[in-house]
All heavy atoms as atom14 arrays in JSON, in Angstrom:
{
  "sequence": "SEANSYDEIKSSYEQVLENADLTIRPSFWGGFVINPTFFEFWKGHE",
  "atom14_mask": [
    [1, 1, 1, 1, 1, 1, 0, 0, 0, 0, 0, 0, 0, 0],
    [1, 1, 1, 1, 1, 1, 1, 1, 1, 0, 0, 0, 0, 0],
    [1, 1, 1, 1, 1, 0, 0, 0, 0, 0, 0, 0, 0, 0],
    [1, 1, 1, 1, 1, 1, 1, 1, 0, 0, 0, 0, 0, 0],
    [1, 1, 1, 1, 1, 1, 0, 0, 0, 0, 0, 0, 0, 0],
    [1, 1, 1, 1, 1, 1, 1, 1, 1, 1, 1, 1, 0, 0],
    [1, 1, 1, 1, 1, 1, 1, 1, 0, 0, 0, 0, 0, 0],
    [1, 1, 1, 1, 1, 1, 1, 1, 1, 0, 0, 0, 0, 0],
    [1, 1, 1, 1, 1, 1, 1, 1, 0, 0, 0, 0, 0, 0],
    [1, 1, 1, 1, 1, 1, 1, 1, 1, 0, 0, 0, 0, 0],
    [1, 1, 1, 1, 1, 1, 0, 0, 0, 0, 0, 0, 0, 0],
    [1, 1, 1, 1, 1, 1, 0, 0, 0, 0, 0, 0, 0, 0],
    [1, 1, 1, 1, 1, 1, 1, 1, 1, 1, 1, 1, 0, 0],
    [1, 1, 1, 1, 1, 1, 1, 1, 1, 0, 0, 0, 0, 0],
    [1, 1, 1, 1, 1, 1, 1, 1, 1, 0, 0, 0, 0, 0],
    [1, 1, 1, 1, 1, 1, 1, 0, 0, 0, 0, 0, 0, 0],
    [1, 1, 1, 1, 1, 1, 1, 1, 0, 0, 0, 0, 0, 0],
    [1, 1, 1, 1, 1, 1, 1, 1, 1, 0, 0, 0, 0, 0],
    [1, 1, 1, 1, 1, 1, 1, 1, 0, 0, 0, 0, 0, 0],
    [1, 1, 1, 1, 1, 0, 0, 0, 0, 0, 0, 0, 0, 0],
    [1, 1, 1, 1, 1, 1, 1, 1, 0, 0, 0, 0, 0, 0],
    [1, 1, 1, 1, 1, 1, 1, 1, 0, 0, 0, 0, 0, 0],
    [1, 1, 1, 1, 1, 1, 1, 0, 0, 0, 0, 0, 0, 0],
    [1, 1, 1, 1, 1, 1, 1, 1, 0, 0, 0, 0, 0, 0],
    [1, 1, 1, 1, 1, 1, 1, 1, 1, 1, 1, 0, 0, 0],
    [1, 1, 1, 1, 1, 1, 1, 0, 0, 0, 0, 0, 0, 0],
    [1, 1, 1, 1, 1, 1, 0, 0, 0, 0, 0, 0, 0, 0],
    [1, 1, 1, 1, 1, 1, 1, 1, 1, 1, 1, 0, 0, 0],
    [1, 1, 1, 1, 1, 1, 1, 1, 1, 1, 1, 1, 1, 1],
    [1, 1, 1, 1, 0, 0, 0, 0, 0, 0, 0, 0, 0, 0],
    [1, 1, 1, 1, 0, 0, 0, 0, 0, 0, 0, 0, 0, 0],
    [1, 1, 1, 1, 1, 1, 1, 1, 1, 1, 1, 0, 0, 0],
    [1, 1, 1, 1, 1, 1, 1, 0, 0, 0, 0, 0, 0, 0],
    [1, 1, 1, 1, 1, 1, 1, 1, 0, 0, 0, 0, 0, 0],
    [1, 1, 1, 1, 1, 1, 1, 1, 0, 0, 0, 0, 0, 0],
    [1, 1, 1, 1, 1, 1, 1, 0, 0, 0, 0, 0, 0, 0],
    [1, 1, 1, 1, 1, 1, 1, 0, 0, 0, 0, 0, 0, 0],
    [1, 1, 1, 1, 1, 1, 1, 1, 1, 1, 1, 0, 0, 0],
    [1, 1, 1, 1, 1, 1, 1, 1, 1, 1, 1, 0, 0, 0],
    [1, 1, 1, 1, 1, 1, 1, 1, 1, 0, 0, 0, 0, 0],
    [1, 1, 1, 1, 1, 1, 1, 1, 1, 1, 1, 0, 0, 0],
    [1, 1, 1, 1, 1, 1, 1, 1, 1, 1, 1, 1, 1, 1],
    [1, 1, 1, 1, 1, 1, 1, 1, 1, 0, 0, 0, 0, 0],
    [1, 1, 1, 1, 0, 0, 0, 0, 0, 0, 0, 0, 0, 0],
    [1, 1, 1, 1, 1, 1, 1, 1, 1, 1, 0, 0, 0, 0],
    [1, 1, 1, 1, 1, 1, 1, 1, 1, 0, 0, 0, 0, 0]
  ],
  "atom14_positions": [
    [[3.7, -5.86, -9.51], [4.41, -6.13, -10.76], [5.53, -7.04, -10.5], [6.07, -7.16, -9.43], [4.96, -4.81, -11.33], [3.95, -3.94, -11.61], [0.0, 0.0, 0.0], [0.0, 0.0, 0.0], [0.0, 0.0, 0.0], [0.0, 0.0, 0.0], [0.0, 0.0, 0.0], [0.0, 0.0, 0.0], [0.0, 0.0, 0.0], [0.0, 0.0, 0.0]],
    [[5.92, -7.84, -11.53], [7.02, -8.82, -11.31], [8.26, -8.07, -11.17], [8.62, -7.12, -11.82], [6.97, -9.73, -12.6], [8.02, -10.89, -12.48], [8.08, -11.86, -13.61], [7.03, -11.69, -14.41], [8.86, -12.78, -13.72], [0.0, 0.0, 0.0], [0.0, 0.0, 0.0], [0.0, 0.0, 0.0], [0.0, 0.0, 0.0], [0.0, 0.0, 0.0]],
    [[9.16, -8.7, -10.28], [10.48, -8.14, -9.99], [11.53, -9.21, -10.36], [11.24, -10.42, -10.17], [10.65, -7.71, -8.6], [0.0, 0.0, 0.0], [0.0, 0.0, 0.0], [0.0, 0.0, 0.0], [0.0, 0.0, 0.0], [0.0, 0.0, 0.0], [0.0, 0.0, 0.0], [0.0, 0.0, 0.0], [0.0, 0.0, 0.0], [0.0, 0.0, 0.0]],
    [[12.7, -8.85, -10.66], [13.79, -9.76, -10.93], [14.32, -10.45, -9.64], [14.68, -11.63, -9.71], [15.01, -9.08, -11.62], [14.63, -8.59, -13.07], [13.85, -9.27, -13.74], [15.14, -7.41, -13.37], [0.0, 0.0, 0.0], [0.0, 0.0, 0.0], [0.0, 0.0, 0.0], [0.0, 0.0, 0.0], [0.0, 0.0, 0.0], [0.0, 0.0, 0.0]],
    [[14.28, -9.7, -8.57], [14.71, -10.36, -7.27], [14.29, -9.47, -6.17], [13.95, -8.29, -6.34], [16.22, -10.42, -7.25], [16.84, -9.16, -7.24], [0.0, 0.0, 0.0], [0.0, 0.0, 0.0], [0.0, 0.0, 0.0], [0.0, 0.0, 0.0], [0.0, 0.0, 0.0], [0.0, 0.0, 0.0], [0.0, 0.0, 0.0], [0.0, 0.0, 0.0]],
    [[14.33, -10.01, -4.92], [14.03, -9.22, -3.76], [15.11, -8.17, -3.44], [14.73, -7.06, -2.98], [13.85, -10.18, -2.53], [13.35, -9.55, -1.25], [12.11, -8.86, -1.21], [14.22, -9.32, -0.2], [11.66, -8.26, -0.03], [13.78, -8.68, 0.96], [12.48, -8.05, 1.04], [12.08, -7.43, 2.11], [0.0, 0.0, 0.0], [0.0, 0.0, 0.0]],
    [[16.35, -8.5, -3.86], [17.38, -7.55, -3.71], [17.14, -6.29, -4.51], [17.4, -5.18, -4.14], [18.73, -8.17, -4.15], [19.21, -9.16, -3.06], [18.8, -9.06, -1.88], [20.07, -9.99, -3.41], [0.0, 0.0, 0.0], [0.0, 0.0, 0.0], [0.0, 0.0, 0.0], [0.0, 0.0, 0.0], [0.0, 0.0, 0.0], [0.0, 0.0, 0.0]],
    [[16.58, -6.48, -5.76], [16.27, -5.35, -6.61], [15.2, -4.46, -5.91], [15.26, -3.19, -5.96], [15.74, -5.84, -7.96], [15.26, -4.73, -8.9], [14.59, -5.31, -10.1], [13.55, -5.94, -9.99], [15.1, -5.08, -11.23], [0.0, 0.0, 0.0], [0.0, 0.0, 0.0], [0.0, 0.0, 0.0], [0.0, 0.0, 0.0], [0.0, 0.0, 0.0]],
    [[14.26, -5.11, -5.3], [13.13, -4.34, -4.56], [13.78, -3.54, -3.41], [13.5, -2.39, -3.32], [12.12, -5.36, -4.04], [11.31, -5.99, -5.23], [11.07, -4.58, -3.07], [10.4, -7.17, -4.85], [0.0, 0.0, 0.0], [0.0, 0.0, 0.0], [0.0, 0.0, 0.0], [0.0, 0.0, 0.0], [0.0, 0.0, 0.0], [0.0, 0.0, 0.0]],
    [[14.63, -4.16, -2.64], [15.24, -3.5, -1.51], [16.15, -2.32, -2.03], [16.09, -1.27, -1.44], [16.12, -4.53, -0.76], [15.23, -5.44, 0.14], [16.06, -6.52, 0.77], [17.19, -5.94, 1.66], [18.03, -7.01, 2.33], [0.0, 0.0, 0.0], [0.0, 0.0, 0.0], [0.0, 0.0, 0.0], [0.0, 0.0, 0.0], [0.0, 0.0, 0.0]],
    [[16.89, -2.53, -3.09], [17.79, -1.56, -3.6], [16.95, -0.32, -4.05], [17.34, 0.86, -3.84], [18.62, -2.06, -4.77], [19.41, -1.05, -5.3], [0.0, 0.0, 0.0], [0.0, 0.0, 0.0], [0.0, 0.0, 0.0], [0.0, 0.0, 0.0], [0.0, 0.0, 0.0], [0.0, 0.0, 0.0], [0.0, 0.0, 0.0], [0.0, 0.0, 0.0]],
    [[15.88, -0.54, -4.83], [15.03, 0.58, -5.28], [14.42, 1.34, -4.14], [14.39, 2.56, -4.04], [13.93, 0.01, -6.16], [13.05, 1.0, -6.54], [0.0, 0.0, 0.0], [0.0, 0.0, 0.0], [0.0, 0.0, 0.0], [0.0, 0.0, 0.0], [0.0, 0.0, 0.0], [0.0, 0.0, 0.0], [0.0, 0.0, 0.0], [0.0, 0.0, 0.0]],
    [[13.95, 0.61, -3.1], [13.46, 1.3, -1.87], [14.47, 2.12, -1.16], [14.16, 3.24, -0.87], [12.91, 0.12, -0.93], [12.63, 0.65, 0.48], [11.5, 1.4, 0.74], [13.55, 0.33, 1.53], [11.33, 1.87, 2.07], [13.29, 0.83, 2.81], [12.16, 1.55, 3.08], [11.92, 2.05, 4.3], [0.0, 0.0, 0.0], [0.0, 0.0, 0.0]],
    [[15.68, 1.62, -1.01], [16.75, 2.39, -0.32], [17.07, 3.63, -1.08], [17.39, 4.67, -0.48], [17.99, 1.47, -0.1], [17.64, 0.45, 0.97], [18.69, -0.73, 1.0], [19.62, -0.69, 0.17], [18.57, -1.62, 1.84], [0.0, 0.0, 0.0], [0.0, 0.0, 0.0], [0.0, 0.0, 0.0], [0.0, 0.0, 0.0], [0.0, 0.0, 0.0]],
    [[17.14, 3.56, -2.42], [17.47, 4.74, -3.26], [16.43, 5.8, -3.08], [16.79, 6.96, -2.98], [17.68, 4.29, -4.73], [18.89, 3.48, -5.01], [19.05, 3.11, -6.41], [18.24, 3.6, -7.31], [19.92, 2.17, -6.74], [0.0, 0.0, 0.0], [0.0, 0.0, 0.0], [0.0, 0.0, 0.0], [0.0, 0.0, 0.0], [0.0, 0.0, 0.0]],
    [[15.14, 5.4, -3.1], [14.07, 6.39, -2.98], [14.1, 6.94, -1.54], [13.95, 8.16, -1.42], [12.71, 5.68, -3.22], [11.6, 6.61, -2.76], [12.58, 5.3, -4.72], [0.0, 0.0, 0.0], [0.0, 0.0, 0.0], [0.0, 0.0, 0.0], [0.0, 0.0, 0.0], [0.0, 0.0, 0.0], [0.0, 0.0, 0.0], [0.0, 0.0, 0.0]],
    [[14.34, 6.17, -0.52], [14.39, 6.64, 0.84], [15.49, 7.69, 0.98], [15.25, 8.67, 1.75], [14.56, 5.51, 1.79], [14.57, 5.78, 3.27], [13.29, 6.41, 3.71], [14.87, 4.54, 4.13], [0.0, 0.0, 0.0], [0.0, 0.0, 0.0], [0.0, 0.0, 0.0], [0.0, 0.0, 0.0], [0.0, 0.0, 0.0], [0.0, 0.0, 0.0]],
    [[16.62, 7.48, 0.32], [17.75, 8.39, 0.57], [17.63, 9.64, -0.36], [18.15, 10.71, 0.0], [19.06, 7.64, 0.22], [19.45, 6.52, 1.21], [20.66, 5.73, 0.8], [21.36, 6.2, -0.1], [20.92, 4.75, 1.46], [0.0, 0.0, 0.0], [0.0, 0.0, 0.0], [0.0, 0.0, 0.0], [0.0, 0.0, 0.0], [0.0, 0.0, 0.0]],
    [[17.05, 9.56, -1.59], [17.15, 10.58, -2.56], [15.85, 11.29, -2.92], [15.95, 12.46, -3.44], [17.82, 10.01, -3.82], [19.2, 9.39, -3.58], [20.02, 10.04, -2.89], [19.38, 8.22, -4.04], [0.0, 0.0, 0.0], [0.0, 0.0, 0.0], [0.0, 0.0, 0.0], [0.0, 0.0, 0.0], [0.0, 0.0, 0.0], [0.0, 0.0, 0.0]],
    [[14.76, 10.74, -2.67], [13.49, 11.27, -3.25], [12.88, 12.27, -2.19], [13.12, 12.2, -1.0], [12.48, 10.18, -3.48], [0.0, 0.0, 0.0], [0.0, 0.0, 0.0], [0.0, 0.0, 0.0], [0.0, 0.0, 0.0], [0.0, 0.0, 0.0], [0.0, 0.0, 0.0], [0.0, 0.0, 0.0], [0.0, 0.0, 0.0], [0.0, 0.0, 0.0]],
    [[12.17, 13.22, -2.72], [11.39, 14.17, -1.97], [10.03, 13.42, -1.51], [9.14, 13.25, -2.36], [11.0, 15.4, -2.73], [10.2, 16.38, -1.95], [9.91, 16.1, -0.7], [9.82, 17.49, -2.51], [0.0, 0.0, 0.0], [0.0, 0.0, 0.0], [0.0, 0.0, 0.0], [0.0, 0.0, 0.0], [0.0, 0.0, 0.0], [0.0, 0.0, 0.0]],
    [[9.92, 13.08, -0.24], [8.83, 12.25, 0.17], [7.76, 13.07, 0.88], [6.87, 12.51, 1.5], [9.33, 11.18, 1.14], [10.38, 10.16, 0.44], [10.96, 9.27, 1.51], [9.65, 9.41, -0.67], [0.0, 0.0, 0.0], [0.0, 0.0, 0.0], [0.0, 0.0, 0.0], [0.0, 0.0, 0.0], [0.0, 0.0, 0.0], [0.0, 0.0, 0.0]],
    [[7.86, 14.38, 0.69], [6.86, 15.22, 1.27], [5.61, 15.42, 0.41], [4.56, 15.81, 0.94], [7.4, 16.65, 1.59], [7.79, 17.17, 0.38], [8.6, 16.54, 2.52], [0.0, 0.0, 0.0], [0.0, 0.0, 0.0], [0.0, 0.0, 0.0], [0.0, 0.0, 0.0], [0.0, 0.0, 0.0], [0.0, 0.0, 0.0], [0.0, 0.0, 0.0]],
    [[5.71, 15.1, -0.84], [4.6, 15.29, -1.87], [4.06, 13.93, -2.21], [4.83, 13.08, -2.72], [5.05, 16.08, -3.08], [5.57, 17.44, -2.58], [3.92, 16.17, -4.05], [6.19, 18.24, -3.73], [0.0, 0.0, 0.0], [0.0, 0.0, 0.0], [0.0, 0.0, 0.0], [0.0, 0.0, 0.0], [0.0, 0.0, 0.0], [0.0, 0.0, 0.0]],
    [[2.81, 13.76, -2.06], [2.12, 12.45, -2.4], [2.18, 12.32, -3.88], [1.75, 13.2, -4.69], [0.64, 12.49, -1.91], [-0.14, 11.25, -2.34], [-1.59, 11.35, -1.77], [-2.31, 12.43, -2.44], [-2.96, 12.38, -3.56], [-3.05, 11.25, -4.22], [-3.62, 13.38, -4.03], [0.0, 0.0, 0.0], [0.0, 0.0, 0.0], [0.0, 0.0, 0.0]],
    [[2.63, 11.12, -4.42], [2.59, 10.83, -5.86], [1.11, 10.65, -6.34], [0.26, 10.29, -5.61], [3.35, 9.55, -6.0], [3.3, 8.82, -4.65], [3.16, 10.01, -3.64], [0.0, 0.0, 0.0], [0.0, 0.0, 0.0], [0.0, 0.0, 0.0], [0.0, 0.0, 0.0], [0.0, 0.0, 0.0], [0.0, 0.0, 0.0], [0.0, 0.0, 0.0]],
    [[0.86, 11.0, -7.6], [-0.41, 10.99, -8.15], [-0.99, 9.58, -8.27], [-2.21, 9.45, -8.35], [-0.45, 11.65, -9.54], [0.43, 10.9, -10.42], [0.0, 0.0, 0.0], [0.0, 0.0, 0.0], [0.0, 0.0, 0.0], [0.0, 0.0, 0.0], [0.0, 0.0, 0.0], [0.0, 0.0, 0.0], [0.0, 0.0, 0.0], [0.0, 0.0, 0.0]],
    [[-0.09, 8.59, -8.2], [-0.6, 7.17, -8.4], [-0.87, 6.5, -7.05], [-1.17, 5.33, -6.98], [0.48, 6.36, -9.19], [1.82, 6.33, -8.49], [2.11, 5.46, -7.42], [2.88, 7.16, -8.94], [3.34, 5.46, -6.82], [4.12, 7.08, -8.4], [4.39, 6.23, -7.28], [0.0, 0.0, 0.0], [0.0, 0.0, 0.0], [0.0, 0.0, 0.0]],
    [[-0.91, 7.31, -5.94], [-1.17, 6.69, -4.6], [-2.17, 7.55, -3.89], [-2.1, 8.8, -4.04], [0.09, 6.58, -3.85], [0.04, 5.83, -2.56], [0.34, 4.56, -2.34], [-0.31, 6.38, -1.31], [0.15, 4.21, -1.06], [-0.33, 5.33, -0.34], [-0.81, 7.59, -0.88], [-0.67, 5.41, 0.97], [-1.16, 7.77, 0.44], [-1.05, 6.64, 1.35]],
    [[-3.13, 6.95, -3.26], [-4.08, 7.71, -2.45], [-5.13, 6.78, -1.79], [-4.98, 5.52, -1.74], [0.0, 0.0, 0.0], [0.0, 0.0, 0.0], [0.0, 0.0, 0.0], [0.0, 0.0, 0.0], [0.0, 0.0, 0.0], [0.0, 0.0, 0.0], [0.0, 0.0, 0.0], [0.0, 0.0, 0.0], [0.0, 0.0, 0.0], [0.0, 0.0, 0.0]],
    [[-6.21, 7.41, -1.41], [-7.2, 6.72, -0.65], [-8.41, 6.2, -1.47], [-8.69, 6.7, -2.57], [0.0, 0.0, 0.0], [0.0, 0.0, 0.0], [0.0, 0.0, 0.0], [0.0, 0.0, 0.0], [0.0, 0.0, 0.0], [0.0, 0.0, 0.0], [0.0, 0.0, 0.0], [0.0, 0.0, 0.0], [0.0, 0.0, 0.0], [0.0, 0.0, 0.0]],
    [[-9.05, 5.21, -0.92], [-10.3, 4.67, -1.42], [-11.29, 4.7, -0.26], [-10.94, 4.54, 0.9], [-10.09, 3.23, -1.86], [-9.21, 3.01, -3.14], [-7.88, 2.71, -2.94], [-9.79, 3.13, -4.31], [-7.06, 2.58, -4.08], [-8.98, 2.98, -5.48], [-7.68, 2.69, -5.37], [0.0, 0.0, 0.0], [0.0, 0.0, 0.0], [0.0, 0.0, 0.0]],
    [[-12.52, 4.89, -0.71], [-13.67, 4.95, 0.32], [-14.67, 3.88, -0.06], [-15.06, 3.76, -1.2], [-14.41, 6.34, 0.23], [-15.53, 6.35, 1.18], [-13.38, 7.43, 0.48], [0.0, 0.0, 0.0], [0.0, 0.0, 0.0], [0.0, 0.0, 0.0], [0.0, 0.0, 0.0], [0.0, 0.0, 0.0], [0.0, 0.0, 0.0], [0.0, 0.0, 0.0]],
    [[-15.1, 3.11, 0.96], [-16.17, 2.12, 0.81], [-17.36, 2.72, 1.53], [-17.29, 3.07, 2.75], [-15.84, 0.78, 1.43], [-14.57, 0.22, 0.77], [-17.0, -0.21, 1.22], [-14.02, -0.98, 1.37], [0.0, 0.0, 0.0], [0.0, 0.0, 0.0], [0.0, 0.0, 0.0], [0.0, 0.0, 0.0], [0.0, 0.0, 0.0], [0.0, 0.0, 0.0]],
    [[-18.48, 2.92, 0.82], [-19.74, 3.3, 1.45], [-20.68, 2.1, 1.54], [-21.17, 1.61, 0.53], [-20.4, 4.42, 0.61], [-19.58, 5.69, 0.6], [-19.14, 6.1, -0.49], [-19.45, 6.28, 1.69], [0.0, 0.0, 0.0], [0.0, 0.0, 0.0], [0.0, 0.0, 0.0], [0.0, 0.0, 0.0], [0.0, 0.0, 0.0], [0.0, 0.0, 0.0]],
    [[-20.9, 1.62, 2.76], [-21.67, 0.32, 2.91], [-23.15, 0.5, 2.59], [-23.77, 1.54, 2.89], [-21.47, -0.04, 4.4], [-20.32, 0.79, 4.82], [-20.28, 2.0, 4.04], [0.0, 0.0, 0.0], [0.0, 0.0, 0.0], [0.0, 0.0, 0.0], [0.0, 0.0, 0.0], [0.0, 0.0, 0.0], [0.0, 0.0, 0.0], [0.0, 0.0, 0.0]],
    [[-23.67, -0.52, 2.03], [-25.16, -0.69, 1.81], [-25.65, -1.89, 2.55], [-26.86, -2.18, 2.5], [-25.48, -0.72, 0.41], [-24.79, -1.83, -0.3], [-25.15, 0.6, -0.37], [0.0, 0.0, 0.0], [0.0, 0.0, 0.0], [0.0, 0.0, 0.0], [0.0, 0.0, 0.0], [0.0, 0.0, 0.0], [0.0, 0.0, 0.0], [0.0, 0.0, 0.0]],
    [[-24.79, -2.65, 3.08], [-25.12, -3.9, 3.77], [-24.13, -4.19, 4.92], [-22.9, -4.02, 4.73], [-25.13, -5.07, 2.78], [-25.19, -6.46, 3.39], [-26.47, -7.09, 3.44], [-24.1, -7.13, 3.84], [-26.55, -8.34, 3.99], [-24.22, -8.45, 4.33], [-25.41, -9.02, 4.39], [0.0, 0.0, 0.0], [0.0, 0.0, 0.0], [0.0, 0.0, 0.0]],
    [[-24.58, -4.67, 6.06], [-23.79, -5.14, 7.2], [-24.35, -6.37, 7.65], [-25.54, -6.63, 7.73], [-23.83, -4.2, 8.33], [-22.99, -2.91, 8.31], [-23.5, -1.8, 7.66], [-21.71, -2.94, 8.8], [-22.73, -0.65, 7.63], [-20.94, -1.74, 8.67], [-21.46, -0.61, 8.09], [0.0, 0.0, 0.0], [0.0, 0.0, 0.0], [0.0, 0.0, 0.0]],
    [[-23.41, -7.38, 8.07], [-23.81, -8.54, 8.84], [-22.94, -8.56, 10.08], [-21.69, -8.52, 9.93], [-23.67, -9.9, 8.08], [-24.13, -11.12, 9.0], [-23.84, -12.35, 8.38], [-23.79, -12.54, 7.17], [-23.53, -13.36, 9.22], [0.0, 0.0, 0.0], [0.0, 0.0, 0.0], [0.0, 0.0, 0.0], [0.0, 0.0, 0.0], [0.0, 0.0, 0.0]],
    [[-23.5, -8.66, 11.29], [-22.75, -8.78, 12.5], [-22.96, -10.25, 13.02], [-24.12, -10.61, 13.27], [-23.26, -7.77, 13.54], [-22.98, -6.37, 13.13], [-23.99, -5.66, 12.5], [-21.82, -5.69, 13.38], [-23.75, -4.3, 12.01], [-21.54, -4.4, 12.99], [-22.5, -3.72, 12.31], [0.0, 0.0, 0.0], [0.0, 0.0, 0.0], [0.0, 0.0, 0.0]],
    [[-21.9, -10.91, 13.13], [-21.95, -12.36, 13.49], [-21.15, -12.56, 14.79], [-20.1, -12.13, 14.99], [-21.25, -13.15, 12.37], [-21.13, -14.59, 12.58], [-21.92, -15.54, 12.0], [-20.01, -15.31, 13.26], [-21.46, -16.82, 12.33], [-20.32, -16.68, 13.06], [-18.97, -14.9, 13.96], [-19.51, -17.66, 13.58], [-18.1, -15.94, 14.52], [-18.4, -17.26, 14.27]],
    [[-21.89, -13.2, 15.8], [-21.29, -13.54, 16.97], [-21.26, -15.06, 17.14], [-22.37, -15.68, 17.13], [-22.15, -13.0, 18.18], [-21.68, -11.61, 18.66], [-20.34, -11.74, 19.33], [-20.16, -10.5, 20.25], [-18.8, -10.58, 20.91], [0.0, 0.0, 0.0], [0.0, 0.0, 0.0], [0.0, 0.0, 0.0], [0.0, 0.0, 0.0], [0.0, 0.0, 0.0]],
    [[-20.11, -15.69, 17.31], [-19.99, -17.12, 17.4], [-20.48, -17.64, 18.7], [-20.41, -17.02, 19.78], [0.0, 0.0, 0.0], [0.0, 0.0, 0.0], [0.0, 0.0, 0.0], [0.0, 0.0, 0.0], [0.0, 0.0, 0.0], [0.0, 0.0, 0.0], [0.0, 0.0, 0.0], [0.0, 0.0, 0.0], [0.0, 0.0, 0.0], [0.0, 0.0, 0.0]],
    [[-20.93, -18.84, 18.64], [-21.52, -19.6, 19.85], [-20.82, -21.0, 19.86], [-20.63, -21.54, 18.79], [-23.02, -19.75, 19.68], [-23.64, -20.28, 20.96], [-23.77, -21.64, 21.18], [-24.34, -19.71, 21.97], [-24.37, -21.85, 22.32], [-24.69, -20.67, 22.84], [0.0, 0.0, 0.0], [0.0, 0.0, 0.0], [0.0, 0.0, 0.0], [0.0, 0.0, 0.0]],
    [[-20.58, -21.47, 21.0], [-19.83, -22.7, 21.14], [-20.55, -23.9, 20.5], [-19.95, -24.9, 20.06], [-19.53, -23.06, 22.61], [-20.73, -23.2, 23.51], [-20.34, -23.56, 24.93], [-19.34, -24.33, 25.18], [-20.99, -23.02, 25.87], [0.0, 0.0, 0.0], [0.0, 0.0, 0.0], [0.0, 0.0, 0.0], [0.0, 0.0, 0.0], [0.0, 0.0, 0.0]]
  ]
}
């Protein structure tokens, strides 16, 4: 998302680091899984 400045980003980060409960995963963040159906293995030659 667009930010007003990098300083704003740093300030928000520092506030969360100091004040938030970081033991619980937020619902908007998590893992993705890729299940392959195709592989290509390429080895370069001079």
